[in-house]
Amino acid sequence: MTLGSGCGSKTLIRIGGGNLKSLIVFAFFAISAYMTLKGLFALWRTVALDPARFDLAGLGTKTSDLPSILAALGVGAGVKLWFPFVFAAALAAWVLASREFRATKEMVIGAC
């Protein structure tokens, strides 16, 4: 990431600004993503990573998202509506609990 001058999101922002270095970095991101899906690393991914998953059919859920798992465990059918908001609020409270973090505007506003 140091050689690419930031993360993938920052690369897209810099491409929009006309940075040619970021265009090359984006091309390498795209090539490596393709290699992971269907190229050189695809066999390793399908053999080693794809089988490593949790089978949640025993809980009675078709998908593996957290609200569906909580609904299958008996929390209630409305969990899909309120859980994302409660989780985001708890995460924001945890992040903003640090006085040092809140003191710097760059930390609060900045992303990458």
N, C-alpha and C. Protein backbone atom coordinates (compact mmCIF):
# COMPACT_ATOMS: atom_id res chain seq x y z
N MET A 1 0.82 -1.20 0.00
CA MET A 1 0.00 0.00 0.00
C MET A 1 0.86 1.26 0.00
N THR A 2 2.04 1.15 0.54
CA THR A 2 2.92 2.31 0.52
C THR A 2 3.36 2.65 -0.89
N LEU A 3 3.71 1.64 -1.66
CA LEU A 3 4.12 1.88 -3.04
C LEU A 3 2.96 2.38 -3.90
N GLY A 4 1.76 1.94 -3.56
CA GLY A 4 0.58 2.36 -4.31
C GLY A 4 0.00 3.68 -3.82
N SER A 5 0.60 4.28 -2.81
CA SER A 5 0.16 5.56 -2.24
C SER A 5 -1.23 5.51 -1.64
N GLY A 6 -1.55 4.44 -0.97
CA GLY A 6 -2.82 4.37 -0.26
C GLY A 6 -3.61 3.12 -0.60
N CYS A 7 -4.83 3.08 -0.10
CA CYS A 7 -5.69 1.91 -0.28
C CYS A 7 -6.40 1.98 -1.63
N GLY A 8 -7.24 0.96 -1.91
CA GLY A 8 -7.95 0.92 -3.17
C GLY A 8 -8.91 2.07 -3.36
N SER A 9 -9.55 2.51 -2.28
CA SER A 9 -10.48 3.64 -2.38
C SER A 9 -9.73 4.92 -2.73
N LYS A 10 -8.59 5.11 -2.12
CA LYS A 10 -7.79 6.30 -2.41
C LYS A 10 -7.27 6.26 -3.85
N THR A 11 -7.00 5.04 -4.34
CA THR A 11 -6.58 4.90 -5.72
C THR A 11 -7.65 5.37 -6.68
N LEU A 12 -8.90 5.02 -6.41
CA LEU A 12 -10.01 5.47 -7.26
C LEU A 12 -10.17 6.98 -7.21
N ILE A 13 -9.98 7.56 -6.04
CA ILE A 13 -10.09 9.01 -5.91
C ILE A 13 -8.98 9.69 -6.71
N ARG A 14 -7.79 9.13 -6.63
CA ARG A 14 -6.67 9.74 -7.37
C ARG A 14 -6.79 9.54 -8.87
N ILE A 15 -7.39 8.44 -9.31
CA ILE A 15 -7.64 8.26 -10.74
C ILE A 15 -8.57 9.36 -11.23
N GLY A 16 -9.59 9.67 -10.43
CA GLY A 16 -10.52 10.75 -10.78
C GLY A 16 -9.83 12.10 -10.87
N GLY A 17 -8.74 12.25 -10.13
CA GLY A 17 -7.97 13.49 -10.18
C GLY A 17 -6.94 13.51 -11.30
N GLY A 18 -6.81 12.41 -12.04
CA GLY A 18 -5.90 12.38 -13.16
C GLY A 18 -4.52 11.82 -12.86
N ASN A 19 -4.34 11.12 -11.78
CA ASN A 19 -3.04 10.56 -11.41
C ASN A 19 -2.79 9.28 -12.21
N LEU A 20 -1.76 9.27 -13.04
CA LEU A 20 -1.46 8.11 -13.87
C LEU A 20 -0.88 6.95 -13.06
N LYS A 21 -0.15 7.26 -11.99
CA LYS A 21 0.39 6.20 -11.13
C LYS A 21 -0.74 5.38 -10.53
N SER A 22 -1.82 6.05 -10.14
CA SER A 22 -2.95 5.34 -9.57
C SER A 22 -3.66 4.48 -10.61
N LEU A 23 -3.61 4.88 -11.86
CA LEU A 23 -4.20 4.07 -12.91
C LEU A 23 -3.44 2.74 -13.05
N ILE A 24 -2.13 2.79 -12.93
CA ILE A 24 -1.33 1.57 -12.98
C ILE A 24 -1.59 0.70 -11.75
N VAL A 25 -1.69 1.33 -10.59
CA VAL A 25 -2.00 0.59 -9.36
C VAL A 25 -3.36 -0.08 -9.48
N PHE A 26 -4.34 0.62 -10.02
CA PHE A 26 -5.67 0.05 -10.21
C PHE A 26 -5.63 -1.14 -11.17
N ALA A 27 -4.83 -1.04 -12.21
CA ALA A 27 -4.70 -2.16 -13.16
C ALA A 27 -4.12 -3.38 -12.46
N PHE A 28 -3.16 -3.19 -11.57
CA PHE A 28 -2.60 -4.32 -10.84
C PHE A 28 -3.59 -4.89 -9.83
N PHE A 29 -4.41 -4.03 -9.22
CA PHE A 29 -5.49 -4.51 -8.35
C PHE A 29 -6.45 -5.40 -9.14
N ALA A 30 -6.81 -4.94 -10.32
CA ALA A 30 -7.75 -5.69 -11.14
C ALA A 30 -7.16 -7.03 -11.58
N ILE A 31 -5.90 -7.03 -11.99
CA ILE A 31 -5.24 -8.28 -12.41
C ILE A 31 -5.15 -9.26 -11.25
N SER A 32 -4.79 -8.76 -10.06
CA SER A 32 -4.67 -9.67 -8.92
C SER A 32 -6.04 -10.19 -8.48
N ALA A 33 -7.08 -9.39 -8.60
CA ALA A 33 -8.43 -9.87 -8.27
C ALA A 33 -8.86 -10.94 -9.25
N TYR A 34 -8.58 -10.74 -10.52
CA TYR A 34 -8.92 -11.75 -11.53
C TYR A 34 -8.12 -13.04 -11.30
N MET A 35 -6.85 -12.89 -10.95
CA MET A 35 -6.02 -14.07 -10.68
C MET A 35 -6.55 -14.85 -9.47
N THR A 36 -7.13 -14.15 -8.51
CA THR A 36 -7.67 -14.82 -7.34
C THR A 36 -8.97 -15.56 -7.68
N LEU A 37 -9.77 -14.98 -8.57
CA LEU A 37 -11.03 -15.62 -8.92
C LEU A 37 -10.89 -16.74 -9.94
N LYS A 38 -10.12 -16.50 -11.00
CA LYS A 38 -10.07 -17.47 -12.08
C LYS A 38 -8.67 -17.77 -12.61
N GLY A 39 -7.66 -17.23 -12.00
CA GLY A 39 -6.31 -17.39 -12.54
C GLY A 39 -5.43 -18.27 -11.69
N LEU A 40 -4.23 -17.80 -11.46
CA LEU A 40 -3.18 -18.56 -10.79
C LEU A 40 -3.56 -18.99 -9.37
N PHE A 41 -4.22 -18.14 -8.62
CA PHE A 41 -4.55 -18.44 -7.23
C PHE A 41 -5.92 -19.09 -7.06
N ALA A 42 -6.64 -19.32 -8.15
CA ALA A 42 -8.00 -19.85 -8.06
C ALA A 42 -8.03 -21.26 -7.49
N LEU A 43 -7.10 -22.10 -7.90
CA LEU A 43 -7.08 -23.48 -7.39
C LEU A 43 -6.83 -23.50 -5.90
N TRP A 44 -5.87 -22.72 -5.43
CA TRP A 44 -5.60 -22.65 -3.99
C TRP A 44 -6.81 -22.11 -3.24
N ARG A 45 -7.46 -21.09 -3.79
CA ARG A 45 -8.63 -20.51 -3.14
C ARG A 45 -9.75 -21.53 -3.03
N THR A 46 -10.03 -22.26 -4.09
CA THR A 46 -11.13 -23.21 -4.06
C THR A 46 -10.83 -24.42 -3.17
N VAL A 47 -9.57 -24.83 -3.10
CA VAL A 47 -9.21 -25.99 -2.28
C VAL A 47 -9.07 -25.63 -0.81
N ALA A 48 -8.46 -24.49 -0.51
CA ALA A 48 -8.14 -24.17 0.88
C ALA A 48 -9.17 -23.26 1.55
N LEU A 49 -9.69 -22.28 0.84
CA LEU A 49 -10.54 -21.29 1.50
C LEU A 49 -12.04 -21.56 1.38
N ASP A 50 -12.50 -22.02 0.23
CA ASP A 50 -13.93 -22.22 0.05
C ASP A 50 -14.54 -23.26 0.98
N PRO A 51 -13.86 -24.39 1.25
CA PRO A 51 -14.45 -25.36 2.19
C PRO A 51 -14.49 -24.87 3.64
N ALA A 52 -13.69 -23.87 3.99
CA ALA A 52 -13.64 -23.39 5.37
C ALA A 52 -14.80 -22.42 5.62
N ARG A 53 -15.94 -22.98 6.00
CA ARG A 53 -17.12 -22.16 6.27
C ARG A 53 -17.96 -22.85 7.33
N PHE A 54 -18.87 -22.12 7.89
CA PHE A 54 -19.79 -22.65 8.89
C PHE A 54 -21.08 -23.06 8.20
N ASP A 55 -21.56 -24.25 8.48
CA ASP A 55 -22.83 -24.70 7.92
C ASP A 55 -23.94 -24.30 8.89
N LEU A 56 -24.73 -23.34 8.48
CA LEU A 56 -25.77 -22.80 9.34
C LEU A 56 -27.15 -23.35 9.04
N ALA A 57 -27.22 -24.37 8.20
CA ALA A 57 -28.52 -24.97 7.87
C ALA A 57 -29.14 -25.63 9.11
N GLY A 58 -28.31 -26.08 10.03
CA GLY A 58 -28.83 -26.68 11.25
C GLY A 58 -29.58 -25.70 12.13
N LEU A 59 -29.29 -24.42 12.00
CA LEU A 59 -30.01 -23.41 12.76
C LEU A 59 -31.35 -23.05 12.12
N GLY A 60 -31.51 -23.41 10.86
CA GLY A 60 -32.74 -23.09 10.17
C GLY A 60 -32.67 -21.80 9.39
N THR A 61 -31.50 -21.33 9.07
CA THR A 61 -31.35 -20.11 8.29
C THR A 61 -30.76 -20.43 6.92
N LYS A 62 -31.23 -19.72 5.91
CA LYS A 62 -30.74 -19.95 4.55
C LYS A 62 -29.50 -19.14 4.24
N THR A 63 -29.35 -17.99 4.88
CA THR A 63 -28.20 -17.13 4.63
C THR A 63 -27.37 -17.03 5.90
N SER A 64 -26.16 -16.50 5.77
CA SER A 64 -25.26 -16.44 6.92
C SER A 64 -25.05 -15.02 7.43
N ASP A 65 -25.96 -14.10 7.13
CA ASP A 65 -25.81 -12.76 7.70
C ASP A 65 -26.25 -12.78 9.16
N LEU A 66 -25.70 -11.87 9.95
CA LEU A 66 -25.91 -11.87 11.39
C LEU A 66 -27.38 -11.68 11.79
N PRO A 67 -28.14 -10.79 11.17
CA PRO A 67 -29.56 -10.69 11.55
C PRO A 67 -30.33 -11.99 11.29
N SER A 68 -30.03 -12.71 10.22
CA SER A 68 -30.72 -13.98 9.96
C SER A 68 -30.36 -15.03 11.00
N ILE A 69 -29.10 -15.03 11.42
CA ILE A 69 -28.68 -15.98 12.46
C ILE A 69 -29.37 -15.66 13.77
N LEU A 70 -29.44 -14.37 14.12
CA LEU A 70 -30.12 -13.98 15.36
C LEU A 70 -31.62 -14.30 15.31
N ALA A 71 -32.24 -14.11 14.14
CA ALA A 71 -33.66 -14.45 13.99
C ALA A 71 -33.86 -15.95 14.14
N ALA A 72 -32.95 -16.76 13.60
CA ALA A 72 -33.05 -18.22 13.73
C ALA A 72 -32.84 -18.67 15.17
N LEU A 73 -32.06 -17.90 15.94
CA LEU A 73 -31.83 -18.25 17.35
C LEU A 73 -32.97 -17.82 18.25
N GLY A 74 -33.96 -17.11 17.69
CA GLY A 74 -35.15 -16.76 18.46
C GLY A 74 -35.20 -15.34 18.97
N VAL A 75 -34.37 -14.45 18.47
CA VAL A 75 -34.39 -13.06 18.92
C VAL A 75 -35.66 -12.37 18.44
N GLY A 76 -36.15 -12.73 17.28
CA GLY A 76 -37.38 -12.15 16.74
C GLY A 76 -37.23 -11.84 15.27
N ALA A 77 -38.36 -11.76 14.59
CA ALA A 77 -38.32 -11.52 13.15
C ALA A 77 -37.93 -10.08 12.81
N GLY A 78 -38.16 -9.15 13.72
CA GLY A 78 -37.84 -7.75 13.47
C GLY A 78 -36.37 -7.41 13.62
N VAL A 79 -35.56 -8.41 13.93
CA VAL A 79 -34.14 -8.16 14.15
C VAL A 79 -33.46 -7.64 12.89
N LYS A 80 -33.98 -8.00 11.72
CA LYS A 80 -33.37 -7.54 10.48
C LYS A 80 -33.53 -6.04 10.29
N LEU A 81 -34.51 -5.45 10.93
CA LEU A 81 -34.72 -4.01 10.82
C LEU A 81 -33.90 -3.22 11.84
N TRP A 82 -33.88 -3.66 13.09
CA TRP A 82 -33.25 -2.84 14.12
C TRP A 82 -31.79 -3.20 14.39
N PHE A 83 -31.36 -4.42 14.11
CA PHE A 83 -30.00 -4.82 14.47
C PHE A 83 -28.91 -3.99 13.78
N PRO A 84 -29.01 -3.69 12.47
CA PRO A 84 -27.94 -2.88 11.87
C PRO A 84 -27.78 -1.51 12.52
N PHE A 85 -28.87 -0.89 12.91
CA PHE A 85 -28.80 0.43 13.55
C PHE A 85 -28.19 0.33 14.95
N VAL A 86 -28.58 -0.68 15.70
CA VAL A 86 -28.03 -0.87 17.04
C VAL A 86 -26.53 -1.19 16.97
N PHE A 87 -26.15 -2.02 16.02
CA PHE A 87 -24.74 -2.37 15.86
C PHE A 87 -23.92 -1.15 15.46
N ALA A 88 -24.43 -0.35 14.53
CA ALA A 88 -23.71 0.86 14.09
C ALA A 88 -23.59 1.86 15.24
N ALA A 89 -24.65 2.00 16.03
CA ALA A 89 -24.60 2.92 17.17
C ALA A 89 -23.60 2.45 18.22
N ALA A 90 -23.57 1.15 18.49
CA ALA A 90 -22.61 0.61 19.46
C ALA A 90 -21.18 0.78 18.96
N LEU A 91 -20.97 0.55 17.68
CA LEU A 91 -19.64 0.73 17.11
C LEU A 91 -19.21 2.19 17.16
N ALA A 92 -20.12 3.11 16.85
CA ALA A 92 -19.80 4.54 16.93
C ALA A 92 -19.50 4.96 18.36
N ALA A 93 -20.26 4.45 19.32
CA ALA A 93 -20.01 4.77 20.72
C ALA A 93 -18.64 4.27 21.16
N TRP A 94 -18.27 3.08 20.72
CA TRP A 94 -16.97 2.52 21.08
C TRP A 94 -15.84 3.34 20.48
N VAL A 95 -16.00 3.73 19.21
CA VAL A 95 -14.95 4.50 18.54
C VAL A 95 -14.83 5.89 19.15
N LEU A 96 -15.95 6.53 19.41
CA LEU A 96 -15.92 7.90 19.93
C LEU A 96 -15.69 7.98 21.44
N ALA A 97 -15.50 6.85 22.09
CA ALA A 97 -15.25 6.86 23.54
C ALA A 97 -13.86 7.40 23.87
N SER A 98 -12.96 7.35 22.92
CA SER A 98 -11.60 7.82 23.15
C SER A 98 -11.54 9.35 23.05
N ARG A 99 -11.11 9.99 24.11
CA ARG A 99 -10.99 11.45 24.12
C ARG A 99 -9.91 11.92 23.15
N GLU A 100 -8.84 11.15 23.04
CA GLU A 100 -7.76 11.49 22.12
C GLU A 100 -8.24 11.44 20.66
N PHE A 101 -9.07 10.47 20.35
CA PHE A 101 -9.63 10.36 19.01
C PHE A 101 -10.55 11.53 18.67
N ARG A 102 -11.41 11.89 19.60
CA ARG A 102 -12.35 12.99 19.37
C ARG A 102 -11.65 14.34 19.28
N ALA A 103 -10.46 14.47 19.85
CA ALA A 103 -9.76 15.75 19.89
C ALA A 103 -9.19 16.15 18.53
N THR A 104 -8.95 15.19 17.65
CA THR A 104 -8.37 15.52 16.35
C THR A 104 -9.42 15.38 15.27
N LYS A 105 -9.66 16.46 14.54
CA LYS A 105 -10.66 16.45 13.48
C LYS A 105 -10.25 15.52 12.34
N GLU A 106 -8.95 15.40 12.08
CA GLU A 106 -8.49 14.55 11.01
C GLU A 106 -8.86 13.08 11.25
N MET A 107 -8.78 12.66 12.50
CA MET A 107 -9.12 11.28 12.83
C MET A 107 -10.62 11.03 12.64
N VAL A 108 -11.43 11.99 13.01
CA VAL A 108 -12.87 11.81 12.92
C VAL A 108 -13.33 11.85 11.47
N ILE A 109 -12.80 12.76 10.69
CA ILE A 109 -13.26 12.96 9.31
C ILE A 109 -12.55 12.02 8.35
N GLY A 110 -11.27 11.75 8.56
CA GLY A 110 -10.48 10.97 7.61
C GLY A 110 -10.88 9.51 7.53
N ALA A 111 -10.66 8.93 6.36
CA ALA A 111 -11.00 7.52 6.18
C ALA A 111 -9.78 6.68 5.89
N CYS A 112 -9.02 7.02 4.85
CA CYS A 112 -7.87 6.20 4.45
C CYS A 112 -6.58 6.83 4.92
